[in-house]
Amino acid sequence: MKLTALGSGVGGAGLADGLQRVVGENLAVIVNTGDNFDLHGLRLAPDLDTVMYTLADIANSETGSGIAGDTFNNLDMISRYGGEDWFRIGDRELATHLLRTQLLKGGSTLTRTTLSLAQSLGVRARILPMANEPVATIVNTNAGELAFQEYFVHRRWQPILKSYRFYGIDKARVTPEITAALQTAQAIIFCPSNPFVGVEPILSVKGMRDLIKQARVPRIAVSPIIGGESLDGVTAKMFKELGMEPSAFQVARLLRGAIDRFVLDRLDEAQAPLIKDLGMRVWVTDTLVRTQADRERLAREIVEWVS
C-alpha cells in the first residue's frame, strides 16, 4: 500500500516511523518547514531532522530532538566564546547542518538535499519538505513577535500566544515530488501534530489543500490531543490561548474539509458522535505511542482500516 503522511514534531515523527515499519519505501512523509532557521551561518531544519533521525532509528528518544548518544563539545566551545548556545546542536548533528547548508549553497533544492541526507542514513521512506521556498512561522505573543524557535526553544513556549503567521508562504509552491506522492497515494494520513504550527503551514502552501481534497482516497487524521492534553504540552496551551478547548473534536473541526476520517483515543470516545456529525468516519483506539511497538501497532491498525 502506498501511503502519504503529513506531520511535524515528535508526534508526527513517531507515527511516520510506525508507518515506515509497515509499508517501508511505499511511504512518503510531507514535513513542515516553517520552523527552519539560520544559526551560526548554518541552515537548520528541526522538524525535518526530527523525522529523519526517527526514521533512521538514531533519534534521541529522551529529549525528542537530536541524535542519541551525541556529545556537545562544539556547543561547549561556542558557550566559552560567548556565542548563542540556547539551541543545542550536538557534535554528530552538526554534520547534518554543515552538509545541508553546503548543498543548498551549491544550488540543490531543499527537497533534493533532504532526500540525499535521509538516504545516506538508510531511511526507506521519502521525506519531503512542504516546499523548497523558505517559510518562517512567526508567533505574536505578549512578549512581541518571535520567530518560532525563539518562542519554542529559547523562551520554552512560555510567552502567551495571541496569533501566528507564516512569512513567505505566499511564495511557497507544492513540489513535483509532493504532487506525485499525493496523486499516487492509496491513503493520506495526518500524523498527530500541532494543528496550528505543524499542519497549517503545510496546508497553506499554494496547491497543497486542493491536491489533498481532490484525492479520492481515505484522508485520515490522528488526534494529537488525548484527554484534553498533548504530549508536547505546547499544543494544548496554544488551543487555550487561542480561545479553544483542547480536544480531539476541535482538532477534527480545524481539519474539516481536508480529512474524511478521524482516529481518537479511548479516553475521548465520548467525542466520537460529535466528530461523526462533522461528516467523518471515526476509529477509537489507543493512540498514545511511547515505544516502537506502540507506533507499529497503531500504524497497522490504520492501514487495516483503510484497507
C-alpha atoms as a PDB file:
ATOM      1  CA  MET A   1       0.000   0.000   0.000  1.00  0.00           C
ATOM      2  CA  LYS A   2       1.354   3.435  -0.954  1.00  0.00           C
ATOM      3  CA  LEU A   3       0.826   5.993   1.812  1.00  0.00           C
ATOM      4  CA  THR A   4       1.487   9.704   2.109  1.00  0.00           C
ATOM      5  CA  ALA A   5       1.712  11.161   5.591  1.00  0.00           C
ATOM      6  CA  LEU A   6       1.784  14.780   6.760  1.00  0.00           C
ATOM      7  CA  GLY A   7       3.300  15.803  10.044  1.00  0.00           C
ATOM      8  CA  SER A   8       5.776  17.561  12.241  1.00  0.00           C
ATOM      9  CA  GLY A   9       7.422  17.282  15.618  1.00  0.00           C
ATOM     10  CA  VAL A  10       7.889  14.240  17.806  1.00  0.00           C
ATOM     11  CA  GLY A  11       4.279  13.067  17.433  1.00  0.00           C
ATOM     12  CA  GLY A  12       4.376  13.239  13.662  1.00  0.00           C
ATOM     13  CA  ALA A  13       7.759  11.523  13.532  1.00  0.00           C
ATOM     14  CA  GLY A  14       6.559   8.733  15.822  1.00  0.00           C
ATOM     15  CA  LEU A  15       3.620   7.664  13.677  1.00  0.00           C
ATOM     16  CA  ALA A  16       5.680   8.128  10.499  1.00  0.00           C
ATOM     17  CA  ASP A  17       8.176   5.671  11.990  1.00  0.00           C
ATOM     18  CA  GLY A  18       5.383   3.171  12.600  1.00  0.00           C
ATOM     19  CA  LEU A  19       4.104   3.592   9.050  1.00  0.00           C
ATOM     20  CA  GLN A  20       7.593   3.080   7.627  1.00  0.00           C
ATOM     21  CA  ARG A  21       7.856  -0.157   9.604  1.00  0.00           C
ATOM     22  CA  VAL A  22       4.617  -1.327   7.982  1.00  0.00           C
ATOM     23  CA  VAL A  23       4.966  -0.177   4.345  1.00  0.00           C
ATOM     24  CA  GLY A  24       8.698   0.659   4.051  1.00  0.00           C
ATOM     25  CA  GLU A  25       9.668   2.527   0.889  1.00  0.00           C
ATOM     26  CA  ASN A  26       6.000   2.894  -0.060  1.00  0.00           C
ATOM     27  CA  LEU A  27       5.721   5.798   2.381  1.00  0.00           C
ATOM     28  CA  ALA A  28       6.198   9.497   1.657  1.00  0.00           C
ATOM     29  CA  VAL A  29       6.215  11.988   4.545  1.00  0.00           C
ATOM     30  CA  ILE A  30       5.458  15.661   3.913  1.00  0.00           C
ATOM     31  CA  VAL A  31       7.073  17.694   6.697  1.00  0.00           C
ATOM     32  CA  ASN A  32       6.577  21.219   7.998  1.00  0.00           C
ATOM     33  CA  THR A  33       9.469  23.599   7.257  1.00  0.00           C
ATOM     34  CA  GLY A  34       8.060  26.699   8.934  1.00  0.00           C
ATOM     35  CA  ASP A  35      10.444  26.175  11.833  1.00  0.00           C
ATOM     36  CA  ASN A  36      13.585  26.227   9.652  1.00  0.00           C
ATOM     37  CA  PHE A  37      16.040  28.989  10.574  1.00  0.00           C
ATOM     38  CA  ASP A  38      19.668  30.102  10.375  1.00  0.00           C
ATOM     39  CA  LEU A  39      22.109  29.836  13.278  1.00  0.00           C
ATOM     40  CA  HIS A  40      25.896  30.257  13.241  1.00  0.00           C
ATOM     41  CA  GLY A  41      25.678  30.636   9.458  1.00  0.00           C
ATOM     42  CA  LEU A  42      24.046  27.225   9.071  1.00  0.00           C
ATOM     43  CA  ARG A  43      20.586  26.309   7.811  1.00  0.00           C
ATOM     44  CA  LEU A  44      18.703  24.303  10.439  1.00  0.00           C
ATOM     45  CA  ALA A  45      15.527  22.307   9.787  1.00  0.00           C
ATOM     46  CA  PRO A  46      14.323  20.961  13.162  1.00  0.00           C
ATOM     47  CA  ASP A  47      11.133  19.205  12.030  1.00  0.00           C
ATOM     48  CA  LEU A  48      12.804  17.628   9.015  1.00  0.00           C
ATOM     49  CA  ASP A  49      15.651  16.406  11.194  1.00  0.00           C
ATOM     50  CA  THR A  50      13.356  15.028  13.894  1.00  0.00           C
ATOM     51  CA  VAL A  51      11.524  12.968  11.278  1.00  0.00           C
ATOM     52  CA  MET A  52      14.777  11.916   9.568  1.00  0.00           C
ATOM     53  CA  TYR A  53      16.542  10.832  12.758  1.00  0.00           C
ATOM     54  CA  THR A  54      13.438   8.979  13.956  1.00  0.00           C
ATOM     55  CA  LEU A  55      13.011   7.076  10.694  1.00  0.00           C
ATOM     56  CA  ALA A  56      16.751   6.334  10.667  1.00  0.00           C
ATOM     57  CA  ASP A  57      16.395   4.938  14.228  1.00  0.00           C
ATOM     58  CA  ILE A  58      19.060   7.267  15.648  1.00  0.00           C
ATOM     59  CA  ALA A  59      16.832   9.865  17.359  1.00  0.00           C
ATOM     60  CA  ASN A  60      17.318  10.842  20.984  1.00  0.00           C
ATOM     61  CA  SER A  61      14.097   9.474  22.457  1.00  0.00           C
ATOM     62  CA  GLU A  62      14.689  11.176  25.813  1.00  0.00           C
ATOM     63  CA  THR A  63      14.771  14.751  24.504  1.00  0.00           C
ATOM     64  CA  GLY A  64      12.650  14.319  21.382  1.00  0.00           C
ATOM     65  CA  SER A  65      15.269  16.040  19.248  1.00  0.00           C
ATOM     66  CA  GLY A  66      18.815  15.443  18.136  1.00  0.00           C
ATOM     67  CA  ILE A  67      20.794  12.208  17.857  1.00  0.00           C
ATOM     68  CA  ALA A  68      21.013   9.548  20.546  1.00  0.00           C
ATOM     69  CA  GLY A  69      24.366   9.445  22.354  1.00  0.00           C
ATOM     70  CA  ASP A  70      25.553  12.734  20.858  1.00  0.00           C
ATOM     71  CA  THR A  71      28.179  14.866  22.567  1.00  0.00           C
ATOM     72  CA  PHE A  72      28.296  18.652  22.827  1.00  0.00           C
ATOM     73  CA  ASN A  73      31.954  19.648  22.735  1.00  0.00           C
ATOM     74  CA  ASN A  74      31.344  22.114  19.927  1.00  0.00           C
ATOM     75  CA  LEU A  75      28.458  23.721  21.816  1.00  0.00           C
ATOM     76  CA  ASP A  76      30.604  23.988  24.961  1.00  0.00           C
ATOM     77  CA  MET A  77      33.240  25.869  22.964  1.00  0.00           C
ATOM     78  CA  ILE A  78      30.620  28.178  21.475  1.00  0.00           C
ATOM     79  CA  SER A  79      29.495  28.960  25.029  1.00  0.00           C
ATOM     80  CA  ARG A  80      33.057  29.781  26.059  1.00  0.00           C
ATOM     81  CA  TYR A  81      33.276  32.237  23.183  1.00  0.00           C
ATOM     82  CA  GLY A  82      30.027  33.826  24.326  1.00  0.00           C
ATOM     83  CA  GLY A  83      28.092  32.653  21.272  1.00  0.00           C
ATOM     84  CA  GLU A  84      24.417  31.688  21.172  1.00  0.00           C
ATOM     85  CA  ASP A  85      24.002  28.309  22.827  1.00  0.00           C
ATOM     86  CA  TRP A  86      20.259  28.153  23.519  1.00  0.00           C
ATOM     87  CA  PHE A  87      19.697  25.771  20.599  1.00  0.00           C
ATOM     88  CA  ARG A  88      21.601  22.621  21.471  1.00  0.00           C
ATOM     89  CA  ILE A  89      23.398  21.257  18.415  1.00  0.00           C
ATOM     90  CA  GLY A  90      25.306  18.046  19.082  1.00  0.00           C
ATOM     91  CA  ASP A  91      28.662  17.223  17.529  1.00  0.00           C
ATOM     92  CA  ARG A  92      27.247  14.489  15.270  1.00  0.00           C
ATOM     93  CA  GLU A  93      24.201  16.549  14.384  1.00  0.00           C
ATOM     94  CA  LEU A  94      26.447  19.421  13.338  1.00  0.00           C
ATOM     95  CA  ALA A  95      27.378  17.359  10.278  1.00  0.00           C
ATOM     96  CA  THR A  96      23.734  17.427   9.133  1.00  0.00           C
ATOM     97  CA  HIS A  97      23.591  21.213   9.258  1.00  0.00           C
ATOM     98  CA  LEU A  98      27.000  21.662   7.618  1.00  0.00           C
ATOM     99  CA  LEU A  99      26.150  19.409   4.681  1.00  0.00           C
ATOM    100  CA  ARG A 100      22.623  20.803   4.287  1.00  0.00           C
ATOM    101  CA  THR A 101      23.994  24.362   4.141  1.00  0.00           C
ATOM    102  CA  GLN A 102      26.714  23.326   1.690  1.00  0.00           C
ATOM    103  CA  LEU A 103      24.277  21.556  -0.617  1.00  0.00           C
ATOM    104  CA  LEU A 104      21.769  24.444  -0.567  1.00  0.00           C
ATOM    105  CA  LYS A 105      24.501  26.995  -1.313  1.00  0.00           C
ATOM    106  CA  GLY A 106      25.613  24.774  -4.174  1.00  0.00           C
ATOM    107  CA  GLY A 107      22.204  25.077  -5.805  1.00  0.00           C
ATOM    108  CA  SER A 108      20.450  21.952  -4.570  1.00  0.00           C
ATOM    109  CA  THR A 109      16.796  22.318  -3.606  1.00  0.00           C
ATOM    110  CA  LEU A 110      15.710  21.589  -0.047  1.00  0.00           C
ATOM    111  CA  THR A 111      13.833  18.541  -1.374  1.00  0.00           C
ATOM    112  CA  ARG A 112      16.866  17.027  -3.133  1.00  0.00           C
ATOM    113  CA  THR A 113      19.057  17.863  -0.145  1.00  0.00           C
ATOM    114  CA  THR A 114      16.689  16.197   2.308  1.00  0.00           C
ATOM    115  CA  LEU A 115      16.277  13.075   0.185  1.00  0.00           C
ATOM    116  CA  SER A 116      20.068  12.782  -0.127  1.00  0.00           C
ATOM    117  CA  LEU A 117      20.687  13.135   3.610  1.00  0.00           C
ATOM    118  CA  ALA A 118      17.900  10.703   4.514  1.00  0.00           C
ATOM    119  CA  GLN A 119      19.068   8.106   2.015  1.00  0.00           C
ATOM    120  CA  SER A 120      22.583   8.261   3.465  1.00  0.00           C
ATOM    121  CA  LEU A 121      21.107   7.406   6.885  1.00  0.00           C
ATOM    122  CA  GLY A 122      19.242   4.409   5.494  1.00  0.00           C
ATOM    123  CA  VAL A 123      15.752   5.924   5.650  1.00  0.00           C
ATOM    124  CA  ARG A 124      13.447   3.895   3.412  1.00  0.00           C
ATOM    125  CA  ALA A 125      10.570   6.405   3.229  1.00  0.00           C
ATOM    126  CA  ARG A 126      10.791   9.590   1.177  1.00  0.00           C
ATOM    127  CA  ILE A 127      10.948  12.641   3.438  1.00  0.00           C
ATOM    128  CA  LEU A 128       9.597  15.653   1.532  1.00  0.00           C
ATOM    129  CA  PRO A 129       9.823  19.268   2.745  1.00  0.00           C
ATOM    130  CA  MET A 130       6.477  21.037   2.341  1.00  0.00           C
ATOM    131  CA  ALA A 131       8.132  23.498  -0.084  1.00  0.00           C
ATOM    132  CA  ASN A 132      11.562  24.393  -1.428  1.00  0.00           C
ATOM    133  CA  GLU A 133      10.971  28.092  -0.785  1.00  0.00           C
ATOM    134  CA  PRO A 134      11.811  29.370   2.731  1.00  0.00           C
ATOM    135  CA  VAL A 135       8.837  29.877   5.058  1.00  0.00           C
ATOM    136  CA  ALA A 136       9.106  31.176   8.625  1.00  0.00           C
ATOM    137  CA  THR A 137       6.471  30.723  11.318  1.00  0.00           C
ATOM    138  CA  ILE A 138       6.169  33.953  13.323  1.00  0.00           C
ATOM    139  CA  VAL A 139       4.203  33.972  16.575  1.00  0.00           C
ATOM    140  CA  ASN A 140       2.701  37.121  18.067  1.00  0.00           C
ATOM    141  CA  THR A 141       2.886  36.946  21.870  1.00  0.00           C
ATOM    142  CA  ASN A 142       2.667  39.132  24.937  1.00  0.00           C
ATOM    143  CA  ALA A 143       6.460  39.413  24.554  1.00  0.00           C
ATOM    144  CA  GLY A 144       6.129  40.683  20.983  1.00  0.00           C
ATOM    145  CA  GLU A 145       6.640  38.926  17.654  1.00  0.00           C
ATOM    146  CA  LEU A 146       9.003  35.975  17.883  1.00  0.00           C
ATOM    147  CA  ALA A 147      10.457  33.567  15.349  1.00  0.00           C
ATOM    148  CA  PHE A 148       9.140  30.112  16.123  1.00  0.00           C
ATOM    149  CA  GLN A 149      12.356  28.612  17.520  1.00  0.00           C
ATOM    150  CA  GLU A 150      12.908  31.709  19.657  1.00  0.00           C
ATOM    151  CA  TYR A 151       9.432  31.145  21.098  1.00  0.00           C
ATOM    152  CA  PHE A 152       9.528  27.367  21.295  1.00  0.00           C
ATOM    153  CA  VAL A 153      13.097  26.620  22.377  1.00  0.00           C
ATOM    154  CA  HIS A 154      14.701  29.821  23.681  1.00  0.00           C
ATOM    155  CA  ARG A 155      11.623  31.072  25.558  1.00  0.00           C
ATOM    156  CA  ARG A 156      10.402  27.494  26.272  1.00  0.00           C
ATOM    157  CA  TRP A 157       6.955  28.423  24.802  1.00  0.00           C
ATOM    158  CA  GLN A 158       6.099  30.424  27.930  1.00  0.00           C
ATOM    159  CA  PRO A 159       5.018  33.714  26.279  1.00  0.00           C
ATOM    160  CA  ILE A 160       1.253  33.892  25.784  1.00  0.00           C
ATOM    161  CA  LEU A 161       0.270  33.256  22.172  1.00  0.00           C
ATOM    162  CA  LYS A 162      -2.004  35.817  20.526  1.00  0.00           C
ATOM    163  CA  SER A 163      -1.731  34.902  16.845  1.00  0.00           C
ATOM    164  CA  TYR A 164       0.676  33.480  14.282  1.00  0.00           C
ATOM    165  CA  ARG A 165       1.557  33.867  10.625  1.00  0.00           C
ATOM    166  CA  PHE A 166       3.720  32.187   8.014  1.00  0.00           C
ATOM    167  CA  TYR A 167       6.173  34.640   6.495  1.00  0.00           C
ATOM    168  CA  GLY A 168       6.950  33.805   2.869  1.00  0.00           C
ATOM    169  CA  ILE A 169       4.047  31.377   2.467  1.00  0.00           C
ATOM    170  CA  ASP A 170       2.720  33.365  -0.498  1.00  0.00           C
ATOM    171  CA  LYS A 171       5.804  32.348  -2.491  1.00  0.00           C
ATOM    172  CA  ALA A 172       5.793  28.686  -1.465  1.00  0.00           C
ATOM    173  CA  ARG A 173       4.635  26.148  -4.030  1.00  0.00           C
ATOM    174  CA  VAL A 174       3.900  22.432  -3.982  1.00  0.00           C
ATOM    175  CA  THR A 175       6.851  20.489  -5.364  1.00  0.00           C
ATOM    176  CA  PRO A 176       6.602  17.891  -8.141  1.00  0.00           C
ATOM    177  CA  GLU A 177       7.634  15.236  -5.612  1.00  0.00           C
ATOM    178  CA  ILE A 178       4.731  16.111  -3.311  1.00  0.00           C
ATOM    179  CA  THR A 179       2.288  16.257  -6.220  1.00  0.00           C
ATOM    180  CA  ALA A 180       3.324  12.736  -7.260  1.00  0.00           C
ATOM    181  CA  ALA A 181       3.135  11.466  -3.670  1.00  0.00           C
ATOM    182  CA  LEU A 182      -0.391  12.782  -3.153  1.00  0.00           C
ATOM    183  CA  GLN A 183      -1.692  11.690  -6.553  1.00  0.00           C
ATOM    184  CA  THR A 184      -0.413   8.119  -6.204  1.00  0.00           C
ATOM    185  CA  ALA A 185      -1.210   7.595  -2.520  1.00  0.00           C
ATOM    186  CA  GLN A 186      -3.792   4.992  -1.557  1.00  0.00           C
ATOM    187  CA  ALA A 187      -4.358   6.862   1.703  1.00  0.00           C
ATOM    188  CA  ILE A 188      -3.308  10.231   3.144  1.00  0.00           C
ATOM    189  CA  ILE A 189      -2.578  10.294   6.857  1.00  0.00           C
ATOM    190  CA  PHE A 190      -2.273  13.367   9.073  1.00  0.00           C
ATOM    191  CA  CYS A 191       0.081  12.275  11.848  1.00  0.00           C
ATOM    192  CA  PRO A 192      -0.579  13.649  15.368  1.00  0.00           C
ATOM    193  CA  SER A 193       0.951  17.114  15.101  1.00  0.00           C
ATOM    194  CA  ASN A 194       0.264  20.640  16.303  1.00  0.00           C
ATOM    195  CA  PRO A 195      -2.621  21.749  14.033  1.00  0.00           C
ATOM    196  CA  PHE A 196      -1.620  25.423  14.172  1.00  0.00           C
ATOM    197  CA  VAL A 197       2.139  25.499  13.582  1.00  0.00           C
ATOM    198  CA  GLY A 198       2.731  21.929  12.426  1.00  0.00           C
ATOM    199  CA  VAL A 199      -0.097  21.114   9.999  1.00  0.00           C
ATOM    200  CA  GLU A 200      -1.464  24.505   8.953  1.00  0.00           C
ATOM    201  CA  PRO A 201       1.838  25.637   7.359  1.00  0.00           C
ATOM    202  CA  ILE A 202       1.763  22.531   5.156  1.00  0.00           C
ATOM    203  CA  LEU A 203      -1.864  23.073   4.140  1.00  0.00           C
ATOM    204  CA  SER A 204      -1.140  26.761   3.457  1.00  0.00           C
ATOM    205  CA  VAL A 205       1.344  26.024   0.676  1.00  0.00           C
ATOM    206  CA  LYS A 206      -0.264  27.025  -2.616  1.00  0.00           C
ATOM    207  CA  GLY A 207      -1.852  23.985  -4.243  1.00  0.00           C
ATOM    208  CA  MET A 208      -1.496  21.658  -1.250  1.00  0.00           C
ATOM    209  CA  ARG A 209      -5.041  21.745   0.096  1.00  0.00           C
ATOM    210  CA  ASP A 210      -6.534  21.338  -3.392  1.00  0.00           C
ATOM    211  CA  LEU A 211      -4.395  18.275  -4.117  1.00  0.00           C
ATOM    212  CA  ILE A 212      -5.479  16.673  -0.850  1.00  0.00           C
ATOM    213  CA  LYS A 213      -9.161  17.470  -1.401  1.00  0.00           C
ATOM    214  CA  GLN A 214      -9.009  16.059  -4.941  1.00  0.00           C
ATOM    215  CA  ALA A 215      -7.572  12.746  -3.770  1.00  0.00           C
ATOM    216  CA  ARG A 216     -10.224  10.037  -3.982  1.00  0.00           C
ATOM    217  CA  VAL A 217      -8.666   8.035  -1.170  1.00  0.00           C
ATOM    218  CA  PRO A 218      -9.164   7.867   2.607  1.00  0.00           C
ATOM    219  CA  ARG A 219      -7.816  11.003   4.300  1.00  0.00           C
ATOM    220  CA  ILE A 220      -7.237  10.269   7.955  1.00  0.00           C
ATOM    221  CA  ALA A 221      -6.086  12.380  10.906  1.00  0.00           C
ATOM    222  CA  VAL A 222      -4.834  11.086  14.241  1.00  0.00           C
ATOM    223  CA  SER A 223      -5.558  13.414  17.146  1.00  0.00           C
ATOM    224  CA  PRO A 224      -2.577  14.998  18.944  1.00  0.00           C
ATOM    225  CA  ILE A 225      -4.894  15.768  21.884  1.00  0.00           C
ATOM    226  CA  ILE A 226      -5.656  12.995  24.377  1.00  0.00           C
ATOM    227  CA  GLY A 227      -7.886  13.698  27.333  1.00  0.00           C
ATOM    228  CA  GLY A 228      -7.527  17.448  26.879  1.00  0.00           C
ATOM    229  CA  GLU A 229      -3.723  17.304  26.967  1.00  0.00           C
ATOM    230  CA  SER A 230      -0.899  16.976  24.460  1.00  0.00           C
ATOM    231  CA  LEU A 231       2.379  15.116  24.858  1.00  0.00           C
ATOM    232  CA  ASP A 232       4.405  18.190  23.933  1.00  0.00           C
ATOM    233  CA  GLY A 233       2.466  20.478  26.278  1.00  0.00           C
ATOM    234  CA  VAL A 234       2.601  23.393  23.873  1.00  0.00           C
ATOM    235  CA  THR A 235      -0.240  22.213  21.605  1.00  0.00           C
ATOM    236  CA  ALA A 236      -2.835  22.172  24.400  1.00  0.00           C
ATOM    237  CA  LYS A 237      -1.507  25.532  25.652  1.00  0.00           C
ATOM    238  CA  MET A 238      -1.950  27.059  22.180  1.00  0.00           C
ATOM    239  CA  PHE A 239      -5.541  25.860  21.986  1.00  0.00           C
ATOM    240  CA  LYS A 240      -6.371  27.582  25.270  1.00  0.00           C
ATOM    241  CA  GLU A 241      -4.591  30.832  24.406  1.00  0.00           C
ATOM    242  CA  LEU A 242      -6.349  30.980  21.052  1.00  0.00           C
ATOM    243  CA  GLY A 243      -9.704  30.629  22.800  1.00  0.00           C
ATOM    244  CA  MET A 244     -10.433  26.992  22.027  1.00  0.00           C
ATOM    245  CA  GLU A 245     -10.869  23.959  24.205  1.00  0.00           C
ATOM    246  CA  PRO A 246      -8.034  21.472  23.631  1.00  0.00           C
ATOM    247  CA  SER A 247      -9.950  18.422  22.445  1.00  0.00           C
ATOM    248  CA  ALA A 248      -9.992  15.804  19.731  1.00  0.00           C
ATOM    249  CA  PHE A 249     -13.242  17.329  18.448  1.00  0.00           C
ATOM    250  CA  GLN A 250     -11.599  20.738  17.997  1.00  0.00           C
ATOM    251  CA  VAL A 251      -8.731  19.128  16.065  1.00  0.00           C
ATOM    252  CA  ALA A 252     -11.258  17.420  13.786  1.00  0.00           C
ATOM    253  CA  ARG A 253     -13.127  20.689  13.323  1.00  0.00           C
ATOM    254  CA  LEU A 254      -9.932  22.517  12.359  1.00  0.00           C
ATOM    255  CA  LEU A 255      -9.092  19.867   9.754  1.00  0.00           C
ATOM    256  CA  ARG A 256     -12.629  19.615   8.379  1.00  0.00           C
ATOM    257  CA  GLY A 257     -12.569  19.613   4.593  1.00  0.00           C
ATOM    258  CA  ALA A 258      -9.065  18.191   4.383  1.00  0.00           C
ATOM    259  CA  ILE A 259      -9.948  14.842   6.008  1.00  0.00           C
ATOM    260  CA  ASP A 260     -12.835  12.391   5.989  1.00  0.00           C
ATOM    261  CA  ARG A 261     -11.743  10.009   8.776  1.00  0.00           C
ATOM    262  CA  PHE A 262     -10.519  10.609  12.301  1.00  0.00           C
ATOM    263  CA  VAL A 263      -8.685   8.494  14.868  1.00  0.00           C
ATOM    264  CA  LEU A 264      -9.084   9.380  18.534  1.00  0.00           C
ATOM    265  CA  ASP A 265      -8.015   7.845  21.809  1.00  0.00           C
ATOM    266  CA  ARG A 266     -10.274   5.720  24.006  1.00  0.00           C
ATOM    267  CA  LEU A 267     -10.150   8.480  26.624  1.00  0.00           C
ATOM    268  CA  ASP A 268     -12.043  10.692  24.183  1.00  0.00           C
ATOM    269  CA  GLU A 269     -14.552   8.121  22.918  1.00  0.00           C
ATOM    270  CA  ALA A 270     -17.438  10.302  24.119  1.00  0.00           C
ATOM    271  CA  GLN A 271     -16.488  12.845  21.428  1.00  0.00           C
ATOM    272  CA  ALA A 272     -16.946  10.329  18.621  1.00  0.00           C
ATOM    273  CA  PRO A 273     -20.594  11.308  17.904  1.00  0.00           C
ATOM    274  CA  LEU A 274     -19.627  14.990  17.635  1.00  0.00           C
ATOM    275  CA  ILE A 275     -16.878  14.151  15.159  1.00  0.00           C
ATOM    276  CA  LYS A 276     -19.240  11.938  13.161  1.00  0.00           C
ATOM    277  CA  ASP A 277     -21.610  14.910  12.937  1.00  0.00           C
ATOM    278  CA  LEU A 278     -18.802  16.732  11.078  1.00  0.00           C
ATOM    279  CA  GLY A 279     -19.221  14.128   8.341  1.00  0.00           C
ATOM    280  CA  MET A 280     -16.257  11.934   9.306  1.00  0.00           C
ATOM    281  CA  ARG A 281     -15.856   8.252   9.976  1.00  0.00           C
ATOM    282  CA  VAL A 282     -14.298   7.617  13.382  1.00  0.00           C
ATOM    283  CA  TRP A 283     -11.943   4.982  14.754  1.00  0.00           C
ATOM    284  CA  VAL A 284     -11.374   4.720  18.519  1.00  0.00           C
ATOM    285  CA  THR A 285      -8.185   3.050  19.743  1.00  0.00           C
ATOM    286  CA  ASP A 286      -5.131   3.567  21.948  1.00  0.00           C
ATOM    287  CA  THR A 287      -3.302   6.472  20.263  1.00  0.00           C
ATOM    288  CA  LEU A 288      -0.662   7.107  22.929  1.00  0.00           C
ATOM    289  CA  VAL A 289       2.549   5.761  21.396  1.00  0.00           C
ATOM    290  CA  ARG A 290       5.687   5.710  23.517  1.00  0.00           C
ATOM    291  CA  THR A 291       7.567   2.728  22.088  1.00  0.00           C
ATOM    292  CA  GLN A 292       8.388   1.415  18.637  1.00  0.00           C
ATOM    293  CA  ALA A 293       5.935  -1.414  19.242  1.00  0.00           C
ATOM    294  CA  ASP A 294       3.191   1.138  20.007  1.00  0.00           C
ATOM    295  CA  ARG A 295       3.983   3.036  16.813  1.00  0.00           C
ATOM    296  CA  GLU A 296       3.852  -0.051  14.645  1.00  0.00           C
ATOM    297  CA  ARG A 297       0.657  -1.309  16.285  1.00  0.00           C
ATOM    298  CA  LEU A 298      -1.153   1.998  15.629  1.00  0.00           C
ATOM    299  CA  ALA A 299       0.194   2.172  12.081  1.00  0.00           C
ATOM    300  CA  ARG A 300      -1.016  -1.357  11.349  1.00  0.00           C
ATOM    301  CA  GLU A 301      -4.468  -0.545  12.722  1.00  0.00           C
ATOM    302  CA  ILE A 302      -4.698   2.484  10.436  1.00  0.00           C
ATOM    303  CA  VAL A 303      -3.528   0.520   7.387  1.00  0.00           C
ATOM    304  CA  GLU A 304      -6.042  -2.233   8.141  1.00  0.00           C
ATOM    305  CA  TRP A 305      -8.796   0.353   8.493  1.00  0.00           C
ATOM    306  CA  VAL A 306      -8.126   1.952   5.107  1.00  0.00           C
ATOM    307  CA  SER A 307      -7.778  -1.463   3.504  1.00  0.00           C
END
